[in-house]
Every structure is written in C-alpha cells, then in structure tokens.
Amino acid sequence: MAWIPEGADLDLKVRLESVSEGVLATVSATAPVAGECARCLEPITQTVTVQCQELFSYEQKDGDGDEDGYSLDGDLLDLEPVLRDALVLALPLAPRCQEDCPGLCVECGVRLAQAGPGHHHGPVLDPRWAALRQITMQAGPDGAPVPEIGEENGRGRP
C-alpha cells in the first residue's frame, strides 16, 4: 500500500569514516512515499526518514553467502542495498490519510469522512433467513399472529 516512487529524489546525508577493517558509512536519508490510505483508499503522499550505519570491509567476499556484510569494490562502495533495506523496513504497513480516518461504509462504500455522522442504512436481512421470516409471518398455535422480530410477545420479551 506504500512505496517510494521510481526515480524519486532522496535527500542524503552521508558520512564516511576510515576504520581499520574498512569504511564505516553512516547515512541519513529522507524519501517521498506514495500510496493509498489503508482505510479509505484515497491516494496519500508522505515522507520517511531513516538512519543506518554499515561497515564496508576491505576484504572481498567469496560469494559463498556464508559471510554477512558488504565489501568495497576497489575504491567504490554501493549504498543502494543498504538504503533499500532501511527504507523498505521504514515504509508504513497500513498508511492512513489522517490519523483518525473513519474509512469506508461497509454497506455502500462511500467515504465516511465525506458522508458525515448521519450516514446509516436500514437493517439488512440476510436472504438465507427468508424461509424463517415466512414462518414468523404465519399464525401461532392459538390463531394469533406471531409477533414480528423485536415486537412484544405479551410475556415482556420480544
């Protein structure tokens, strides 16, 4: 429901430090986020800021997959996988257009924020209960009509 648009400009602050094992990269990145509200499906735009720190070692990795971390490629280091991992983890799982977004009406699908507080629907009867409804319309054993659902039955109970 949320993503960083392809080709979006990122605001980066990068600090590179030489240490005995390699180069320590400390990165702060701010990226635009696009998506849909998880409650009302309206388009949203936000920003996300992440901070990460990663060591790029001088030693080349064998590619066996048994060593974690990143290594320098000659004099170059590639920040893309580090930033991608940090940004993906920072994306909201269920973004909202506003903190108290009421969402959509379950009956008609209208946005409740636009419909207002008076928006409601009458009782909806499940068609699978139609046969039972026919039984309640018939007369009872004493010839008196069976009360409707919710009506008083003379004993103080519906």
C-alpha atoms as a PDB file:
ATOM      1  CA  MET A   1       0.000   0.000   0.000  1.00  0.00           C
ATOM      2  CA  ALA A   2       3.020   2.281   0.259  1.00  0.00           C
ATOM      3  CA  TRP A   3       6.058   2.644  -1.969  1.00  0.00           C
ATOM      4  CA  ILE A   4       8.833   5.013  -2.943  1.00  0.00           C
ATOM      5  CA  PRO A   5       8.206   6.209  -6.498  1.00  0.00           C
ATOM      6  CA  GLU A   6      10.767   5.068  -9.056  1.00  0.00           C
ATOM      7  CA  GLY A   7      13.253   7.804  -9.831  1.00  0.00           C
ATOM      8  CA  ALA A   8      12.327   9.837  -6.745  1.00  0.00           C
ATOM      9  CA  ASP A   9      14.964  12.193  -5.396  1.00  0.00           C
ATOM     10  CA  LEU A  10      16.320  11.234  -1.983  1.00  0.00           C
ATOM     11  CA  ASP A  11      17.800  13.704   0.463  1.00  0.00           C
ATOM     12  CA  LEU A  12      21.018  12.021   1.660  1.00  0.00           C
ATOM     13  CA  LYS A  13      23.498  12.914   4.344  1.00  0.00           C
ATOM     14  CA  VAL A  14      26.471  10.552   4.175  1.00  0.00           C
ATOM     15  CA  ARG A  15      29.453  10.343   6.487  1.00  0.00           C
ATOM     16  CA  LEU A  16      32.318   8.022   5.523  1.00  0.00           C
ATOM     17  CA  GLU A  17      34.962   7.110   8.095  1.00  0.00           C
ATOM     18  CA  SER A  18      38.093   5.099   7.531  1.00  0.00           C
ATOM     19  CA  VAL A  19      38.487   2.383  10.159  1.00  0.00           C
ATOM     20  CA  SER A  20      40.966  -0.478  10.393  1.00  0.00           C
ATOM     21  CA  GLU A  21      38.502  -3.049   8.913  1.00  0.00           C
ATOM     22  CA  GLY A  22      37.229  -0.853   6.054  1.00  0.00           C
ATOM     23  CA  VAL A  23      34.954   2.137   5.608  1.00  0.00           C
ATOM     24  CA  LEU A  24      32.137   2.906   8.044  1.00  0.00           C
ATOM     25  CA  ALA A  25      29.219   4.587   6.238  1.00  0.00           C
ATOM     26  CA  THR A  26      26.660   6.489   8.315  1.00  0.00           C
ATOM     27  CA  VAL A  27      23.668   7.550   6.225  1.00  0.00           C
ATOM     28  CA  SER A  28      20.555   9.604   6.877  1.00  0.00           C
ATOM     29  CA  ALA A  29      18.021   9.503   4.044  1.00  0.00           C
ATOM     30  CA  THR A  30      14.666  11.203   3.527  1.00  0.00           C
ATOM     31  CA  ALA A  31      12.454   9.836   0.752  1.00  0.00           C
ATOM     32  CA  PRO A  32       8.963  10.599  -0.560  1.00  0.00           C
ATOM     33  CA  VAL A  33       6.356   7.888  -0.024  1.00  0.00           C
ATOM     34  CA  ALA A  34       3.290   7.387  -2.202  1.00  0.00           C
ATOM     35  CA  GLY A  35       0.438   5.015  -1.563  1.00  0.00           C
ATOM     36  CA  GLU A  36      -3.179   4.523  -0.579  1.00  0.00           C
ATOM     37  CA  CYS A  37      -4.862   5.030   2.747  1.00  0.00           C
ATOM     38  CA  ALA A  38      -5.446   1.617   4.314  1.00  0.00           C
ATOM     39  CA  ARG A  39      -8.928   2.659   5.498  1.00  0.00           C
ATOM     40  CA  CYS A  40     -10.441   4.782   2.718  1.00  0.00           C
ATOM     41  CA  LEU A  41      -8.157   4.013  -0.269  1.00  0.00           C
ATOM     42  CA  GLU A  42      -7.503   7.693  -1.028  1.00  0.00           C
ATOM     43  CA  PRO A  43      -4.062   8.478  -2.503  1.00  0.00           C
ATOM     44  CA  ILE A  44      -1.550   9.777   0.022  1.00  0.00           C
ATOM     45  CA  THR A  45       1.919  11.286  -0.057  1.00  0.00           C
ATOM     46  CA  GLN A  46       4.255  11.321   2.915  1.00  0.00           C
ATOM     47  CA  THR A  47       7.967  11.306   3.617  1.00  0.00           C
ATOM     48  CA  VAL A  48      10.019   8.789   5.521  1.00  0.00           C
ATOM     49  CA  THR A  49      13.404   9.351   7.148  1.00  0.00           C
ATOM     50  CA  VAL A  50      15.830   6.557   8.001  1.00  0.00           C
ATOM     51  CA  GLN A  51      19.256   6.375   9.538  1.00  0.00           C
ATOM     52  CA  CYS A  52      21.601   3.461   9.033  1.00  0.00           C
ATOM     53  CA  GLN A  53      25.207   2.584   9.606  1.00  0.00           C
ATOM     54  CA  GLU A  54      27.115  -0.111   7.752  1.00  0.00           C
ATOM     55  CA  LEU A  55      30.707  -1.293   7.570  1.00  0.00           C
ATOM     56  CA  PHE A  56      32.137  -1.890   4.088  1.00  0.00           C
ATOM     57  CA  SER A  57      35.152  -4.158   4.582  1.00  0.00           C
ATOM     58  CA  TYR A  58      38.394  -4.032   2.609  1.00  0.00           C
ATOM     59  CA  GLU A  59      38.376  -7.818   2.129  1.00  0.00           C
ATOM     60  CA  GLN A  60      36.479  -9.142  -0.877  1.00  0.00           C
ATOM     61  CA  LYS A  61      33.677 -11.604  -0.151  1.00  0.00           C
ATOM     62  CA  ASP A  62      33.850 -15.003  -1.839  1.00  0.00           C
ATOM     63  CA  GLY A  63      30.196 -15.010  -2.818  1.00  0.00           C
ATOM     64  CA  ASP A  64      29.567 -18.235  -0.873  1.00  0.00           C
ATOM     65  CA  GLY A  65      26.880 -16.475   1.126  1.00  0.00           C
ATOM     66  CA  ASP A  66      28.424 -17.571   4.444  1.00  0.00           C
ATOM     67  CA  GLU A  67      29.689 -14.066   5.307  1.00  0.00           C
ATOM     68  CA  ASP A  68      27.397 -11.198   6.241  1.00  0.00           C
ATOM     69  CA  GLY A  69      28.003  -7.578   5.427  1.00  0.00           C
ATOM     70  CA  TYR A  70      29.294  -5.565   2.498  1.00  0.00           C
ATOM     71  CA  SER A  71      32.691  -5.085   0.938  1.00  0.00           C
ATOM     72  CA  LEU A  72      34.341  -2.364  -1.092  1.00  0.00           C
ATOM     73  CA  ASP A  73      34.607  -2.845  -4.838  1.00  0.00           C
ATOM     74  CA  GLY A  74      38.073  -1.386  -5.330  1.00  0.00           C
ATOM     75  CA  ASP A  75      37.664   2.195  -4.163  1.00  0.00           C
ATOM     76  CA  LEU A  76      33.876   2.184  -4.574  1.00  0.00           C
ATOM     77  CA  LEU A  77      31.098   1.285  -2.178  1.00  0.00           C
ATOM     78  CA  ASP A  78      27.482   0.684  -3.144  1.00  0.00           C
ATOM     79  CA  LEU A  79      24.972   2.252  -0.745  1.00  0.00           C
ATOM     80  CA  GLU A  80      21.892   1.125  -2.715  1.00  0.00           C
ATOM     81  CA  PRO A  81      21.302  -2.230  -0.951  1.00  0.00           C
ATOM     82  CA  VAL A  82      21.832  -0.652   2.468  1.00  0.00           C
ATOM     83  CA  LEU A  83      19.411   2.205   1.722  1.00  0.00           C
ATOM     84  CA  ARG A  84      16.847  -0.063   0.050  1.00  0.00           C
ATOM     85  CA  ASP A  85      16.741  -2.384   3.073  1.00  0.00           C
ATOM     86  CA  ALA A  86      16.436   0.506   5.534  1.00  0.00           C
ATOM     87  CA  LEU A  87      13.753   2.321   3.519  1.00  0.00           C
ATOM     88  CA  VAL A  88      11.638  -0.777   2.912  1.00  0.00           C
ATOM     89  CA  LEU A  89      11.586  -1.524   6.636  1.00  0.00           C
ATOM     90  CA  ALA A  90      10.560   2.080   7.379  1.00  0.00           C
ATOM     91  CA  LEU A  91       7.578   2.111   4.990  1.00  0.00           C
ATOM     92  CA  PRO A  92       4.238   2.150   6.824  1.00  0.00           C
ATOM     93  CA  LEU A  93       2.398  -1.187   6.676  1.00  0.00           C
ATOM     94  CA  ALA A  94      -1.025   0.467   6.792  1.00  0.00           C
ATOM     95  CA  PRO A  95      -0.665   4.138   5.827  1.00  0.00           C
ATOM     96  CA  ARG A  96      -3.545   6.477   6.612  1.00  0.00           C
ATOM     97  CA  CYS A  97      -4.567   9.794   5.062  1.00  0.00           C
ATOM     98  CA  GLN A  98      -5.198  11.137   8.565  1.00  0.00           C
ATOM     99  CA  GLU A  99      -4.733   9.611  11.994  1.00  0.00           C
ATOM    100  CA  ASP A 100      -8.479   9.277  12.673  1.00  0.00           C
ATOM    101  CA  CYS A 101      -9.619   8.282   9.160  1.00  0.00           C
ATOM    102  CA  PRO A 102     -13.032   6.591   9.583  1.00  0.00           C
ATOM    103  CA  GLY A 103     -12.675   4.536   6.392  1.00  0.00           C
ATOM    104  CA  LEU A 104     -15.447   3.350   4.067  1.00  0.00           C
ATOM    105  CA  CYS A 105     -19.075   2.450   4.746  1.00  0.00           C
ATOM    106  CA  VAL A 106     -19.355  -1.340   4.767  1.00  0.00           C
ATOM    107  CA  GLU A 107     -22.783  -1.173   3.098  1.00  0.00           C
ATOM    108  CA  CYS A 108     -22.332   1.276   0.223  1.00  0.00           C
ATOM    109  CA  GLY A 109     -18.582   2.027   0.097  1.00  0.00           C
ATOM    110  CA  VAL A 110     -18.840   5.797   0.480  1.00  0.00           C
ATOM    111  CA  ARG A 111     -16.041   7.548   2.379  1.00  0.00           C
ATOM    112  CA  LEU A 112     -17.365   8.098   5.915  1.00  0.00           C
ATOM    113  CA  ALA A 113     -15.376  11.337   6.247  1.00  0.00           C
ATOM    114  CA  GLN A 114     -17.435  12.800   3.383  1.00  0.00           C
ATOM    115  CA  ALA A 115     -20.754  11.136   4.313  1.00  0.00           C
ATOM    116  CA  GLY A 116     -20.937  12.725   7.740  1.00  0.00           C
ATOM    117  CA  PRO A 117     -22.103  11.405  11.107  1.00  0.00           C
ATOM    118  CA  GLY A 118     -25.748  10.911   9.993  1.00  0.00           C
ATOM    119  CA  HIS A 119     -24.857   8.298   7.381  1.00  0.00           C
ATOM    120  CA  HIS A 120     -26.592   4.976   8.106  1.00  0.00           C
ATOM    121  CA  HIS A 121     -28.541   2.219   6.413  1.00  0.00           C
ATOM    122  CA  GLY A 122     -31.672   0.367   7.452  1.00  0.00           C
ATOM    123  CA  PRO A 123     -31.451  -3.168   8.748  1.00  0.00           C
ATOM    124  CA  VAL A 124     -30.339  -5.586   6.073  1.00  0.00           C
ATOM    125  CA  LEU A 125     -31.884  -9.022   6.271  1.00  0.00           C
ATOM    126  CA  ASP A 126     -29.806 -11.918   5.071  1.00  0.00           C
ATOM    127  CA  PRO A 127     -31.656 -13.692   2.239  1.00  0.00           C
ATOM    128  CA  ARG A 128     -30.621 -17.048   3.682  1.00  0.00           C
ATOM    129  CA  TRP A 129     -33.085 -16.411   6.534  1.00  0.00           C
ATOM    130  CA  ALA A 130     -36.039 -15.767   4.184  1.00  0.00           C
ATOM    131  CA  ALA A 131     -37.654 -19.148   4.962  1.00  0.00           C
ATOM    132  CA  LEU A 132     -37.527 -18.401   8.696  1.00  0.00           C
ATOM    133  CA  ARG A 133     -39.088 -14.992   8.045  1.00  0.00           C
ATOM    134  CA  GLN A 134     -42.011 -16.744   6.296  1.00  0.00           C
ATOM    135  CA  ILE A 135     -42.570 -18.896   9.393  1.00  0.00           C
ATOM    136  CA  THR A 136     -42.775 -15.847  11.651  1.00  0.00           C
ATOM    137  CA  MET A 137     -45.395 -14.303   9.347  1.00  0.00           C
ATOM    138  CA  GLN A 138     -47.764 -17.238   9.923  1.00  0.00           C
ATOM    139  CA  ALA A 139     -50.229 -17.534  12.794  1.00  0.00           C
ATOM    140  CA  GLY A 140     -49.216 -19.115  16.064  1.00  0.00           C
ATOM    141  CA  PRO A 141     -50.842 -22.254  17.588  1.00  0.00           C
ATOM    142  CA  ASP A 142     -53.599 -20.194  19.258  1.00  0.00           C
ATOM    143  CA  GLY A 143     -54.510 -18.491  15.962  1.00  0.00           C
ATOM    144  CA  ALA A 144     -52.918 -15.176  16.945  1.00  0.00           C
ATOM    145  CA  PRO A 145     -50.267 -13.859  14.568  1.00  0.00           C
ATOM    146  CA  VAL A 146     -46.714 -14.487  15.644  1.00  0.00           C
ATOM    147  CA  PRO A 147     -45.083 -11.172  16.601  1.00  0.00           C
ATOM    148  CA  GLU A 148     -42.514  -9.671  14.272  1.00  0.00           C
ATOM    149  CA  ILE A 149     -38.875  -9.667  15.221  1.00  0.00           C
ATOM    150  CA  GLY A 150     -38.403  -7.160  18.023  1.00  0.00           C
ATOM    151  CA  GLU A 151     -42.123  -6.850  18.834  1.00  0.00           C
ATOM    152  CA  GLU A 152     -43.507  -7.519  22.291  1.00  0.00           C
ATOM    153  CA  ASN A 153     -44.977 -11.042  22.595  1.00  0.00           C
ATOM    154  CA  GLY A 154     -47.134 -10.414  25.657  1.00  0.00           C
ATOM    155  CA  ARG A 155     -44.663 -12.025  28.059  1.00  0.00           C
ATOM    156  CA  GLY A 156     -42.413  -8.989  28.292  1.00  0.00           C
ATOM    157  CA  ARG A 157     -39.949 -10.375  25.790  1.00  0.00           C
ATOM    158  CA  PRO A 158     -39.568  -9.986  22.062  1.00  0.00           C
END
